[in-house]
Amino acid sequence: MSTRIRRIAATVAAAAVLPLALSACSDDSSDSAKSDSDTNASASAPVSEDAMADSGTTTTDEPFGSACASLPKDGAGSFDGMAKDPVATAASNNPALSTLVTAVKKAGLVDTLNNAQDITVFAPTNDAFAKIPEADLNKVLNDKEQLTKILTYHVVGQKLAPQDLENGSFDTLEKSKLTTSGSGESYTVNDSAEVVCGNVKTANANVYIIDTVLMPQS
């Protein structure tokens, strides 16, 4: 009699345990499915711009060119400093453009350039001016009309991004055209002047520093 009772008790206990076991299995399966779903959702979620920037996959609108390294790293003549000032003021803070600044002052163009909106300046370096024989350079610097003509030929009345220079022809403030060509980080103006530091921003202009002074055709 007692043996039979024990068998019945064991059967009842097993029957009670079975639903609990099935419930536990169901919970595990649900958690696993939820985990897989979360993983799939995470994998398919779009990558934010910040995350792309962290991964180094985005492009930046930065200055480029071999001469950029020679510009000041900080202060008013640095890239960040120049971006805060209008173009003539910004150039005056950059030691690589001191001859250009002298020419701009002699021509009386400081206010004209500083007050202009959305322009592009092709800025010859000191070395570019040094290519001109000294006697000829001094003559031009003392001829305001000719100097103004040459300097305004270096200015385009719109902001040009690097990609605009790939195969371009633009009206200058001097009223004649200049041409540009190239790609990537290598550009030429009028097939003679190389851009040695491009895409430099000032408060009112994009600046492309060039290695040769441009001369208007007329």
N, C-alpha and C. Protein backbone atom coordinates (compact mmCIF):
# COMPACT_ATOMS: atom_id res chain seq x y z
N MET A 1 0.83 -1.20 0.00
CA MET A 1 0.00 0.00 0.00
C MET A 1 0.87 1.26 0.00
N SER A 2 1.87 1.31 0.84
CA SER A 2 2.74 2.49 0.92
C SER A 2 3.54 2.67 -0.35
N THR A 3 3.92 1.54 -1.02
CA THR A 3 4.66 1.64 -2.30
C THR A 3 3.81 2.30 -3.35
N ARG A 4 2.55 1.95 -3.39
CA ARG A 4 1.63 2.53 -4.37
C ARG A 4 1.47 4.02 -4.12
N ILE A 5 1.36 4.40 -2.88
CA ILE A 5 1.21 5.83 -2.55
C ILE A 5 2.44 6.62 -2.99
N ARG A 6 3.64 6.02 -2.77
CA ARG A 6 4.86 6.72 -3.19
C ARG A 6 4.89 6.93 -4.70
N ARG A 7 4.44 5.89 -5.49
CA ARG A 7 4.43 6.03 -6.94
C ARG A 7 3.49 7.14 -7.39
N ILE A 8 2.31 7.20 -6.72
CA ILE A 8 1.33 8.26 -7.08
C ILE A 8 1.91 9.65 -6.78
N ALA A 9 2.56 9.76 -5.61
CA ALA A 9 3.15 11.04 -5.22
C ALA A 9 4.22 11.47 -6.20
N ALA A 10 5.05 10.51 -6.67
CA ALA A 10 6.12 10.83 -7.63
C ALA A 10 5.54 11.31 -8.94
N THR A 11 4.43 10.68 -9.39
CA THR A 11 3.78 11.06 -10.65
C THR A 11 3.22 12.46 -10.56
N VAL A 12 2.57 12.75 -9.41
CA VAL A 12 2.00 14.09 -9.21
C VAL A 12 3.10 15.15 -9.21
N ALA A 13 4.23 14.85 -8.56
CA ALA A 13 5.34 15.80 -8.50
C ALA A 13 5.92 16.08 -9.89
N ALA A 14 6.05 15.03 -10.69
CA ALA A 14 6.57 15.18 -12.05
C ALA A 14 5.64 16.03 -12.89
N ALA A 15 4.32 15.79 -12.71
CA ALA A 15 3.33 16.56 -13.47
C ALA A 15 3.38 18.03 -13.09
N ALA A 16 3.67 18.31 -11.84
CA ALA A 16 3.75 19.70 -11.39
C ALA A 16 5.00 20.38 -11.92
N VAL A 17 6.11 19.64 -12.04
CA VAL A 17 7.37 20.22 -12.48
C VAL A 17 7.38 20.50 -13.97
N LEU A 18 6.68 19.65 -14.76
CA LEU A 18 6.73 19.75 -16.22
C LEU A 18 6.30 21.12 -16.74
N PRO A 19 5.16 21.71 -16.30
CA PRO A 19 4.78 23.03 -16.82
C PRO A 19 5.82 24.09 -16.51
N LEU A 20 6.46 23.99 -15.30
CA LEU A 20 7.48 24.97 -14.94
C LEU A 20 8.68 24.88 -15.87
N ALA A 21 9.07 23.65 -16.20
CA ALA A 21 10.20 23.43 -17.10
C ALA A 21 9.89 23.98 -18.49
N LEU A 22 8.66 23.70 -18.96
CA LEU A 22 8.27 24.20 -20.28
C LEU A 22 8.24 25.72 -20.31
N SER A 23 7.75 26.30 -19.19
CA SER A 23 7.72 27.76 -19.11
C SER A 23 9.11 28.35 -19.17
N ALA A 24 10.05 27.73 -18.46
CA ALA A 24 11.43 28.21 -18.45
C ALA A 24 12.04 28.14 -19.83
N CYS A 25 11.77 27.04 -20.54
CA CYS A 25 12.29 26.88 -21.89
C CYS A 25 11.73 27.96 -22.81
N SER A 26 10.42 28.24 -22.62
CA SER A 26 9.78 29.25 -23.45
C SER A 26 10.40 30.61 -23.21
N ASP A 27 10.71 30.95 -21.93
CA ASP A 27 11.33 32.24 -21.62
C ASP A 27 12.71 32.35 -22.23
N ASP A 28 13.49 31.23 -22.15
CA ASP A 28 14.82 31.25 -22.74
C ASP A 28 14.76 31.49 -24.23
N SER A 29 13.79 30.84 -24.89
CA SER A 29 13.64 30.98 -26.33
C SER A 29 13.27 32.40 -26.69
N SER A 30 12.34 33.00 -25.87
CA SER A 30 11.92 34.37 -26.12
C SER A 30 13.07 35.34 -25.97
N ASP A 31 13.90 35.15 -24.88
CA ASP A 31 15.04 36.01 -24.66
C ASP A 31 16.04 35.91 -25.78
N SER A 32 16.24 34.65 -26.26
CA SER A 32 17.18 34.44 -27.36
C SER A 32 16.71 35.14 -28.63
N ALA A 33 15.39 35.00 -28.89
CA ALA A 33 14.83 35.63 -30.08
C ALA A 33 14.95 37.15 -29.99
N LYS A 34 14.67 37.69 -28.77
CA LYS A 34 14.77 39.13 -28.57
C LYS A 34 16.21 39.61 -28.78
N SER A 35 17.18 38.81 -28.28
CA SER A 35 18.58 39.17 -28.44
C SER A 35 18.97 39.20 -29.91
N ASP A 36 18.51 38.14 -30.66
CA ASP A 36 18.80 38.11 -32.09
C ASP A 36 18.18 39.30 -32.80
N SER A 37 16.93 39.66 -32.38
CA SER A 37 16.25 40.79 -33.00
C SER A 37 16.99 42.08 -32.73
N ASP A 38 17.46 42.26 -31.48
CA ASP A 38 18.20 43.47 -31.14
C ASP A 38 19.50 43.56 -31.94
N THR A 39 20.17 42.39 -32.10
CA THR A 39 21.41 42.36 -32.85
C THR A 39 21.18 42.76 -34.30
N ASN A 40 20.10 42.20 -34.91
CA ASN A 40 19.78 42.52 -36.29
C ASN A 40 19.41 43.99 -36.45
N ALA A 41 18.66 44.53 -35.47
CA ALA A 41 18.26 45.93 -35.53
C ALA A 41 19.47 46.83 -35.44
N SER A 42 20.40 46.44 -34.55
CA SER A 42 21.61 47.24 -34.39
C SER A 42 22.44 47.22 -35.67
N ALA A 43 22.51 46.07 -36.31
CA ALA A 43 23.32 45.93 -37.52
C ALA A 43 22.73 46.74 -38.67
N SER A 44 21.37 46.87 -38.70
CA SER A 44 20.74 47.56 -39.82
C SER A 44 20.51 49.03 -39.55
N ALA A 45 20.78 49.51 -38.33
CA ALA A 45 20.56 50.91 -38.00
C ALA A 45 21.53 51.79 -38.78
N PRO A 46 21.07 52.97 -39.26
CA PRO A 46 21.97 53.86 -40.00
C PRO A 46 23.07 54.39 -39.11
N VAL A 47 24.24 54.62 -39.73
CA VAL A 47 25.39 55.14 -38.99
C VAL A 47 25.28 56.66 -38.94
N SER A 48 25.41 57.24 -37.77
CA SER A 48 25.30 58.68 -37.62
C SER A 48 26.50 59.38 -38.24
N GLU A 49 26.34 60.69 -38.54
CA GLU A 49 27.45 61.46 -39.09
C GLU A 49 28.61 61.53 -38.11
N ASP A 50 28.29 61.62 -36.80
CA ASP A 50 29.35 61.65 -35.80
C ASP A 50 30.14 60.36 -35.81
N ALA A 51 29.41 59.23 -35.95
CA ALA A 51 30.09 57.94 -35.97
C ALA A 51 30.96 57.81 -37.20
N MET A 52 30.46 58.32 -38.33
CA MET A 52 31.26 58.29 -39.56
C MET A 52 32.50 59.14 -39.41
N ALA A 53 32.33 60.30 -38.77
CA ALA A 53 33.49 61.17 -38.56
C ALA A 53 34.52 60.48 -37.68
N ASP A 54 34.02 59.76 -36.62
CA ASP A 54 34.94 59.06 -35.74
C ASP A 54 35.69 57.97 -36.48
N SER A 55 35.03 57.36 -37.48
CA SER A 55 35.65 56.26 -38.19
C SER A 55 36.59 56.75 -39.30
N GLY A 56 36.54 58.08 -39.55
CA GLY A 56 37.43 58.65 -40.56
C GLY A 56 36.92 58.49 -41.98
N THR A 57 35.60 58.21 -42.15
CA THR A 57 35.08 57.97 -43.49
C THR A 57 34.56 59.24 -44.15
N THR A 58 34.40 60.33 -43.42
CA THR A 58 33.91 61.55 -44.03
C THR A 58 35.06 62.38 -44.59
N THR A 59 34.72 63.25 -45.54
CA THR A 59 35.72 64.15 -46.09
C THR A 59 35.58 65.51 -45.43
N THR A 60 36.64 66.26 -45.36
CA THR A 60 36.60 67.56 -44.72
C THR A 60 36.97 68.63 -45.72
N ASP A 61 36.45 69.82 -45.50
CA ASP A 61 36.68 70.94 -46.39
C ASP A 61 37.87 71.74 -45.86
N GLU A 62 39.06 71.19 -45.98
CA GLU A 62 40.26 71.76 -45.38
C GLU A 62 41.20 72.33 -46.44
N PRO A 63 42.07 73.25 -46.04
CA PRO A 63 43.10 73.72 -46.97
C PRO A 63 44.01 72.58 -47.42
N PHE A 64 44.58 72.70 -48.60
CA PHE A 64 45.45 71.66 -49.14
C PHE A 64 46.59 72.29 -49.92
N GLY A 65 47.68 71.55 -50.06
CA GLY A 65 48.79 72.00 -50.88
C GLY A 65 50.10 72.02 -50.12
N SER A 66 51.19 71.98 -50.89
CA SER A 66 52.52 71.85 -50.30
C SER A 66 52.93 73.04 -49.44
N ALA A 67 52.44 74.22 -49.75
CA ALA A 67 52.84 75.42 -49.00
C ALA A 67 52.01 75.64 -47.74
N CYS A 68 50.97 74.88 -47.56
CA CYS A 68 50.12 75.08 -46.39
C CYS A 68 50.89 74.87 -45.09
N ALA A 69 51.86 73.97 -45.11
CA ALA A 69 52.62 73.67 -43.89
C ALA A 69 53.46 74.85 -43.43
N SER A 70 53.77 75.78 -44.33
CA SER A 70 54.61 76.93 -43.96
C SER A 70 53.82 78.06 -43.31
N LEU A 71 52.50 77.98 -43.34
CA LEU A 71 51.69 79.01 -42.72
C LEU A 71 51.70 78.85 -41.20
N PRO A 72 51.51 79.95 -40.47
CA PRO A 72 51.52 79.86 -39.00
C PRO A 72 50.50 78.84 -38.49
N LYS A 73 50.87 78.16 -37.42
CA LYS A 73 49.99 77.13 -36.86
C LYS A 73 48.91 77.73 -35.97
N ASP A 74 49.16 78.93 -35.43
CA ASP A 74 48.15 79.58 -34.60
C ASP A 74 48.30 81.09 -34.74
N GLY A 75 47.37 81.81 -34.14
CA GLY A 75 47.39 83.26 -34.25
C GLY A 75 46.61 83.77 -35.44
N ALA A 76 46.68 85.08 -35.68
CA ALA A 76 45.88 85.71 -36.73
C ALA A 76 46.25 85.24 -38.13
N GLY A 77 47.49 84.78 -38.32
CA GLY A 77 47.92 84.33 -39.65
C GLY A 77 47.69 82.87 -39.92
N SER A 78 47.15 82.16 -38.94
CA SER A 78 46.85 80.73 -39.12
C SER A 78 45.54 80.58 -39.89
N PHE A 79 45.21 79.35 -40.27
CA PHE A 79 43.97 79.12 -41.00
C PHE A 79 42.76 79.56 -40.17
N ASP A 80 42.75 79.21 -38.90
CA ASP A 80 41.63 79.59 -38.04
C ASP A 80 41.58 81.11 -37.87
N GLY A 81 42.74 81.73 -37.73
CA GLY A 81 42.79 83.18 -37.57
C GLY A 81 42.33 83.91 -38.82
N MET A 82 42.78 83.45 -39.98
CA MET A 82 42.39 84.09 -41.24
C MET A 82 40.89 83.98 -41.49
N ALA A 83 40.30 82.91 -41.04
CA ALA A 83 38.86 82.69 -41.26
C ALA A 83 38.01 83.73 -40.54
N LYS A 84 38.59 84.41 -39.56
CA LYS A 84 37.82 85.38 -38.77
C LYS A 84 37.87 86.79 -39.37
N ASP A 85 38.81 87.04 -40.27
CA ASP A 85 39.01 88.39 -40.80
C ASP A 85 38.66 88.48 -42.28
N PRO A 86 38.27 89.67 -42.76
CA PRO A 86 38.10 89.85 -44.21
C PRO A 86 39.45 89.69 -44.91
N VAL A 87 39.41 89.47 -46.21
CA VAL A 87 40.55 88.92 -46.91
C VAL A 87 41.81 89.79 -46.86
N ALA A 88 41.70 91.10 -47.03
CA ALA A 88 42.91 91.93 -47.01
C ALA A 88 43.54 91.95 -45.63
N THR A 89 42.72 92.00 -44.61
CA THR A 89 43.23 91.94 -43.24
C THR A 89 43.85 90.58 -42.96
N ALA A 90 43.17 89.52 -43.38
CA ALA A 90 43.69 88.17 -43.17
C ALA A 90 45.05 87.99 -43.84
N ALA A 91 45.18 88.49 -45.07
CA ALA A 91 46.45 88.37 -45.79
C ALA A 91 47.56 89.14 -45.09
N SER A 92 47.21 90.28 -44.48
CA SER A 92 48.23 91.10 -43.81
C SER A 92 48.82 90.41 -42.60
N ASN A 93 48.12 89.41 -42.09
CA ASN A 93 48.60 88.66 -40.93
C ASN A 93 49.40 87.43 -41.33
N ASN A 94 49.54 87.22 -42.64
CA ASN A 94 50.23 86.03 -43.13
C ASN A 94 51.58 86.42 -43.73
N PRO A 95 52.68 86.02 -43.14
CA PRO A 95 54.00 86.45 -43.60
C PRO A 95 54.32 86.03 -45.03
N ALA A 96 53.69 84.99 -45.53
CA ALA A 96 53.96 84.53 -46.89
C ALA A 96 53.36 85.44 -47.94
N LEU A 97 52.50 86.38 -47.53
CA LEU A 97 51.79 87.24 -48.47
C LEU A 97 52.13 88.72 -48.27
N SER A 98 53.25 89.01 -47.66
CA SER A 98 53.57 90.40 -47.32
C SER A 98 53.75 91.30 -48.55
N THR A 99 54.33 90.78 -49.62
CA THR A 99 54.50 91.59 -50.83
C THR A 99 53.15 91.90 -51.46
N LEU A 100 52.27 90.93 -51.48
CA LEU A 100 50.92 91.14 -51.99
C LEU A 100 50.22 92.22 -51.18
N VAL A 101 50.35 92.16 -49.87
CA VAL A 101 49.70 93.14 -49.00
C VAL A 101 50.24 94.54 -49.28
N THR A 102 51.54 94.66 -49.49
CA THR A 102 52.13 95.95 -49.84
C THR A 102 51.54 96.48 -51.13
N ALA A 103 51.39 95.61 -52.11
CA ALA A 103 50.82 96.00 -53.40
C ALA A 103 49.36 96.44 -53.24
N VAL A 104 48.60 95.70 -52.45
CA VAL A 104 47.19 96.04 -52.22
C VAL A 104 47.06 97.41 -51.57
N LYS A 105 47.93 97.68 -50.61
CA LYS A 105 47.91 98.99 -49.95
C LYS A 105 48.27 100.11 -50.92
N LYS A 106 49.31 99.89 -51.74
CA LYS A 106 49.72 100.91 -52.71
C LYS A 106 48.62 101.20 -53.73
N ALA A 107 47.85 100.18 -54.07
CA ALA A 107 46.76 100.35 -55.04
C ALA A 107 45.49 100.91 -54.39
N GLY A 108 45.47 101.00 -53.07
CA GLY A 108 44.29 101.51 -52.38
C GLY A 108 43.11 100.55 -52.42
N LEU A 109 43.41 99.25 -52.40
CA LEU A 109 42.35 98.24 -52.55
C LEU A 109 41.98 97.54 -51.24
N VAL A 110 42.54 97.98 -50.12
CA VAL A 110 42.26 97.28 -48.86
C VAL A 110 40.77 97.28 -48.55
N ASP A 111 40.14 98.45 -48.57
CA ASP A 111 38.71 98.53 -48.25
C ASP A 111 37.87 97.82 -49.30
N THR A 112 38.28 97.93 -50.57
CA THR A 112 37.53 97.26 -51.64
C THR A 112 37.47 95.76 -51.41
N LEU A 113 38.60 95.17 -51.08
CA LEU A 113 38.65 93.72 -50.86
C LEU A 113 37.96 93.33 -49.55
N ASN A 114 38.18 94.11 -48.52
CA ASN A 114 37.58 93.77 -47.22
C ASN A 114 36.06 93.88 -47.23
N ASN A 115 35.53 94.81 -48.02
CA ASN A 115 34.09 95.03 -48.04
C ASN A 115 33.36 94.19 -49.08
N ALA A 116 34.09 93.56 -49.98
CA ALA A 116 33.46 92.70 -50.99
C ALA A 116 32.86 91.46 -50.32
N GLN A 117 31.84 90.92 -50.93
CA GLN A 117 31.18 89.74 -50.38
C GLN A 117 31.34 88.55 -51.33
N ASP A 118 31.66 87.41 -50.75
CA ASP A 118 31.70 86.14 -51.51
C ASP A 118 32.58 86.24 -52.75
N ILE A 119 33.86 86.43 -52.53
CA ILE A 119 34.81 86.52 -53.63
C ILE A 119 35.85 85.41 -53.49
N THR A 120 36.62 85.24 -54.56
CA THR A 120 37.77 84.33 -54.55
C THR A 120 39.01 85.13 -54.93
N VAL A 121 40.06 84.96 -54.16
CA VAL A 121 41.32 85.67 -54.42
C VAL A 121 42.41 84.64 -54.71
N PHE A 122 43.06 84.80 -55.85
CA PHE A 122 44.25 84.02 -56.17
C PHE A 122 45.44 84.86 -55.72
N ALA A 123 46.05 84.45 -54.61
CA ALA A 123 47.02 85.29 -53.91
C ALA A 123 48.45 84.84 -54.19
N PRO A 124 49.23 85.62 -54.92
CA PRO A 124 50.63 85.25 -55.18
C PRO A 124 51.48 85.36 -53.91
N THR A 125 52.36 84.42 -53.73
CA THR A 125 53.27 84.44 -52.59
C THR A 125 54.38 85.47 -52.81
N ASN A 126 55.15 85.71 -51.77
CA ASN A 126 56.33 86.57 -51.90
C ASN A 126 57.27 86.04 -52.98
N ASP A 127 57.43 84.72 -53.02
CA ASP A 127 58.32 84.11 -54.03
C ASP A 127 57.79 84.33 -55.44
N ALA A 128 56.46 84.38 -55.57
CA ALA A 128 55.87 84.65 -56.89
C ALA A 128 56.25 86.05 -57.37
N PHE A 129 56.17 87.02 -56.48
CA PHE A 129 56.56 88.38 -56.86
C PHE A 129 58.06 88.47 -57.12
N ALA A 130 58.84 87.63 -56.42
CA ALA A 130 60.29 87.65 -56.59
C ALA A 130 60.72 87.15 -57.97
N LYS A 131 59.82 86.46 -58.67
CA LYS A 131 60.13 86.01 -60.03
C LYS A 131 60.18 87.18 -61.01
N ILE A 132 59.52 88.27 -60.65
CA ILE A 132 59.51 89.45 -61.52
C ILE A 132 60.81 90.24 -61.30
N PRO A 133 61.51 90.60 -62.35
CA PRO A 133 62.74 91.41 -62.18
C PRO A 133 62.47 92.62 -61.30
N GLU A 134 63.40 92.91 -60.42
CA GLU A 134 63.19 93.95 -59.41
C GLU A 134 62.81 95.30 -60.01
N ALA A 135 63.47 95.67 -61.08
CA ALA A 135 63.17 96.96 -61.72
C ALA A 135 61.72 97.00 -62.23
N ASP A 136 61.30 95.88 -62.83
CA ASP A 136 59.93 95.81 -63.35
C ASP A 136 58.91 95.83 -62.21
N LEU A 137 59.22 95.10 -61.13
CA LEU A 137 58.31 95.06 -59.99
C LEU A 137 58.16 96.45 -59.37
N ASN A 138 59.29 97.14 -59.19
CA ASN A 138 59.23 98.48 -58.61
C ASN A 138 58.43 99.43 -59.49
N LYS A 139 58.59 99.27 -60.79
CA LYS A 139 57.84 100.12 -61.72
C LYS A 139 56.34 99.90 -61.58
N VAL A 140 55.95 98.63 -61.49
CA VAL A 140 54.52 98.31 -61.35
C VAL A 140 53.99 98.81 -60.01
N LEU A 141 54.76 98.61 -58.95
CA LEU A 141 54.32 99.03 -57.62
C LEU A 141 54.12 100.54 -57.52
N ASN A 142 54.78 101.28 -58.40
CA ASN A 142 54.64 102.73 -58.38
C ASN A 142 53.73 103.26 -59.48
N ASP A 143 53.06 102.36 -60.16
CA ASP A 143 52.08 102.74 -61.19
C ASP A 143 50.72 102.25 -60.71
N LYS A 144 49.99 103.12 -60.02
CA LYS A 144 48.75 102.70 -59.36
C LYS A 144 47.74 102.11 -60.34
N GLU A 145 47.61 102.70 -61.49
CA GLU A 145 46.64 102.21 -62.48
C GLU A 145 46.99 100.79 -62.94
N GLN A 146 48.24 100.57 -63.29
CA GLN A 146 48.67 99.25 -63.74
C GLN A 146 48.60 98.24 -62.60
N LEU A 147 49.01 98.68 -61.41
CA LEU A 147 48.99 97.79 -60.25
C LEU A 147 47.55 97.36 -59.93
N THR A 148 46.62 98.31 -59.99
CA THR A 148 45.21 97.98 -59.74
C THR A 148 44.70 96.98 -60.76
N LYS A 149 45.08 97.18 -62.00
CA LYS A 149 44.66 96.27 -63.07
C LYS A 149 45.16 94.84 -62.80
N ILE A 150 46.42 94.73 -62.39
CA ILE A 150 46.99 93.40 -62.13
C ILE A 150 46.34 92.75 -60.92
N LEU A 151 46.19 93.51 -59.84
CA LEU A 151 45.64 92.93 -58.61
C LEU A 151 44.18 92.52 -58.77
N THR A 152 43.38 93.35 -59.43
CA THR A 152 41.96 92.99 -59.59
C THR A 152 41.79 91.81 -60.54
N TYR A 153 42.81 91.56 -61.37
CA TYR A 153 42.77 90.36 -62.22
C TYR A 153 42.88 89.08 -61.40
N HIS A 154 43.35 89.19 -60.17
CA HIS A 154 43.48 88.03 -59.29
C HIS A 154 42.22 87.75 -58.47
N VAL A 155 41.16 88.52 -58.72
CA VAL A 155 39.94 88.42 -57.90
C VAL A 155 38.75 88.04 -58.77
N VAL A 156 38.03 87.01 -58.35
CA VAL A 156 36.80 86.57 -59.02
C VAL A 156 35.62 86.89 -58.11
N GLY A 157 34.55 87.37 -58.68
CA GLY A 157 33.41 87.84 -57.89
C GLY A 157 32.47 86.76 -57.41
N GLN A 158 32.98 85.62 -57.09
CA GLN A 158 32.18 84.54 -56.50
C GLN A 158 33.11 83.61 -55.73
N LYS A 159 32.56 82.91 -54.74
CA LYS A 159 33.37 81.96 -54.00
C LYS A 159 33.49 80.67 -54.80
N LEU A 160 34.72 80.25 -55.05
CA LEU A 160 34.98 79.05 -55.82
C LEU A 160 35.48 77.94 -54.90
N ALA A 161 34.80 76.80 -54.95
CA ALA A 161 35.26 75.61 -54.24
C ALA A 161 36.29 74.90 -55.11
N PRO A 162 37.10 74.02 -54.53
CA PRO A 162 38.11 73.33 -55.33
C PRO A 162 37.56 72.66 -56.58
N GLN A 163 36.39 72.02 -56.45
CA GLN A 163 35.84 71.33 -57.63
C GLN A 163 35.47 72.29 -58.75
N ASP A 164 35.23 73.56 -58.42
CA ASP A 164 34.93 74.56 -59.46
C ASP A 164 36.13 74.85 -60.33
N LEU A 165 37.32 74.54 -59.83
CA LEU A 165 38.55 74.86 -60.57
C LEU A 165 38.94 73.78 -61.56
N GLU A 166 38.22 72.67 -61.59
CA GLU A 166 38.64 71.53 -62.41
C GLU A 166 38.73 71.88 -63.89
N ASN A 167 37.81 72.66 -64.37
CA ASN A 167 37.86 73.10 -65.77
C ASN A 167 37.04 74.38 -65.87
N GLY A 168 37.61 75.47 -65.35
CA GLY A 168 36.82 76.68 -65.19
C GLY A 168 37.30 77.86 -65.99
N SER A 169 36.38 78.79 -66.23
CA SER A 169 36.68 80.07 -66.86
C SER A 169 35.85 81.11 -66.13
N PHE A 170 36.50 82.11 -65.55
CA PHE A 170 35.81 83.02 -64.65
C PHE A 170 36.13 84.48 -64.98
N ASP A 171 35.10 85.32 -64.85
CA ASP A 171 35.29 86.76 -64.99
C ASP A 171 35.96 87.30 -63.74
N THR A 172 36.94 88.15 -63.93
CA THR A 172 37.64 88.77 -62.81
C THR A 172 37.12 90.19 -62.58
N LEU A 173 37.51 90.79 -61.46
CA LEU A 173 37.12 92.17 -61.20
C LEU A 173 37.80 93.13 -62.18
N GLU A 174 38.84 92.67 -62.83
CA GLU A 174 39.54 93.48 -63.84
C GLU A 174 38.78 93.48 -65.16
N LYS A 175 37.74 92.63 -65.24
CA LYS A 175 36.82 92.55 -66.39
C LYS A 175 37.25 91.60 -67.50
N SER A 176 38.39 90.91 -67.32
CA SER A 176 38.74 89.87 -68.29
C SER A 176 38.70 88.52 -67.58
N LYS A 177 38.94 87.46 -68.32
CA LYS A 177 38.77 86.11 -67.77
C LYS A 177 40.10 85.48 -67.38
N LEU A 178 40.03 84.59 -66.40
CA LEU A 178 41.14 83.68 -66.12
C LEU A 178 40.59 82.26 -66.19
N THR A 179 41.47 81.31 -66.42
CA THR A 179 41.04 79.92 -66.54
C THR A 179 41.74 79.06 -65.48
N THR A 180 41.09 77.99 -65.11
CA THR A 180 41.65 77.06 -64.14
C THR A 180 41.47 75.62 -64.63
N SER A 181 42.36 74.76 -64.16
CA SER A 181 42.25 73.35 -64.52
C SER A 181 42.92 72.51 -63.44
N GLY A 182 42.59 71.22 -63.43
CA GLY A 182 43.20 70.32 -62.46
C GLY A 182 42.16 69.45 -61.78
N SER A 183 42.59 68.76 -60.73
CA SER A 183 41.69 67.90 -59.97
C SER A 183 42.35 67.55 -58.65
N GLY A 184 41.56 67.01 -57.74
CA GLY A 184 42.09 66.58 -56.45
C GLY A 184 42.68 67.72 -55.66
N GLU A 185 43.99 67.70 -55.50
CA GLU A 185 44.69 68.77 -54.79
C GLU A 185 45.75 69.42 -55.69
N SER A 186 45.56 69.31 -57.00
CA SER A 186 46.52 69.87 -57.96
C SER A 186 45.78 70.72 -58.98
N TYR A 187 46.00 72.05 -58.91
CA TYR A 187 45.28 72.97 -59.80
C TYR A 187 46.24 74.01 -60.38
N THR A 188 45.92 74.44 -61.58
CA THR A 188 46.72 75.44 -62.29
C THR A 188 45.81 76.58 -62.73
N VAL A 189 46.32 77.80 -62.67
CA VAL A 189 45.59 78.97 -63.12
C VAL A 189 46.28 79.51 -64.36
N ASN A 190 45.50 79.71 -65.42
CA ASN A 190 46.04 80.21 -66.71
C ASN A 190 47.20 79.36 -67.23
N ASP A 191 47.20 78.09 -66.90
CA ASP A 191 48.23 77.15 -67.36
C ASP A 191 49.63 77.58 -66.96
N SER A 192 49.75 78.47 -65.97
CA SER A 192 51.08 78.96 -65.61
C SER A 192 51.31 78.99 -64.09
N ALA A 193 50.31 79.32 -63.33
CA ALA A 193 50.46 79.46 -61.88
C ALA A 193 49.90 78.24 -61.18
N GLU A 194 50.70 77.65 -60.31
CA GLU A 194 50.26 76.48 -59.55
C GLU A 194 49.66 76.92 -58.21
N VAL A 195 48.56 76.27 -57.82
CA VAL A 195 48.00 76.50 -56.49
C VAL A 195 48.86 75.73 -55.50
N VAL A 196 49.51 76.45 -54.60
CA VAL A 196 50.41 75.80 -53.64
C VAL A 196 49.77 75.65 -52.26
N CYS A 197 48.71 76.38 -52.01
CA CYS A 197 47.91 76.19 -50.79
C CYS A 197 46.51 76.68 -51.11
N GLY A 198 45.59 75.75 -51.26
CA GLY A 198 44.25 76.10 -51.72
C GLY A 198 43.17 75.93 -50.66
N ASN A 199 42.02 76.54 -50.95
CA ASN A 199 40.83 76.42 -50.10
C ASN A 199 41.05 77.02 -48.72
N VAL A 200 41.76 78.15 -48.69
CA VAL A 200 41.96 78.88 -47.44
C VAL A 200 40.77 79.83 -47.26
N LYS A 201 40.12 79.77 -46.11
CA LYS A 201 38.92 80.56 -45.89
C LYS A 201 39.23 81.85 -45.13
N THR A 202 38.60 82.94 -45.58
CA THR A 202 38.58 84.17 -44.79
C THR A 202 37.11 84.52 -44.58
N ALA A 203 36.85 85.60 -43.86
CA ALA A 203 35.47 85.92 -43.52
C ALA A 203 34.62 86.21 -44.76
N ASN A 204 35.23 86.70 -45.83
CA ASN A 204 34.45 87.04 -47.01
C ASN A 204 34.97 86.44 -48.31
N ALA A 205 35.97 85.57 -48.23
CA ALA A 205 36.58 85.07 -49.47
C ALA A 205 37.15 83.67 -49.30
N ASN A 206 37.23 82.97 -50.43
CA ASN A 206 38.06 81.77 -50.52
C ASN A 206 39.38 82.18 -51.18
N VAL A 207 40.48 81.72 -50.62
CA VAL A 207 41.80 82.13 -51.12
C VAL A 207 42.55 80.91 -51.64
N TYR A 208 43.16 81.08 -52.82
CA TYR A 208 44.04 80.07 -53.39
C TYR A 208 45.40 80.72 -53.57
N ILE A 209 46.36 80.31 -52.78
CA ILE A 209 47.70 80.88 -52.82
C ILE A 209 48.45 80.26 -54.00
N ILE A 210 49.03 81.11 -54.86
CA ILE A 210 49.65 80.64 -56.10
C ILE A 210 51.12 81.05 -56.16
N ASP A 211 51.87 80.35 -57.03
CA ASP A 211 53.33 80.55 -57.08
C ASP A 211 53.79 81.48 -58.18
N THR A 212 52.85 82.10 -58.90
CA THR A 212 53.20 83.00 -59.99
C THR A 212 52.18 84.13 -60.06
N VAL A 213 52.67 85.35 -60.32
CA VAL A 213 51.77 86.49 -60.47
C VAL A 213 51.06 86.38 -61.82
N LEU A 214 49.74 86.54 -61.81
CA LEU A 214 48.95 86.47 -63.04
C LEU A 214 48.98 87.84 -63.74
N MET A 215 49.08 87.82 -65.05
CA MET A 215 49.08 89.07 -65.82
C MET A 215 47.88 89.09 -66.78
N PRO A 216 47.07 90.12 -66.69
CA PRO A 216 45.93 90.23 -67.63
C PRO A 216 46.44 90.35 -69.07
N GLN A 217 45.67 89.82 -70.00
CA GLN A 217 46.13 89.81 -71.40
C GLN A 217 46.12 91.18 -72.03
N SER A 218 45.21 92.03 -71.59
CA SER A 218 45.12 93.36 -72.23
C SER A 218 45.63 94.44 -71.30
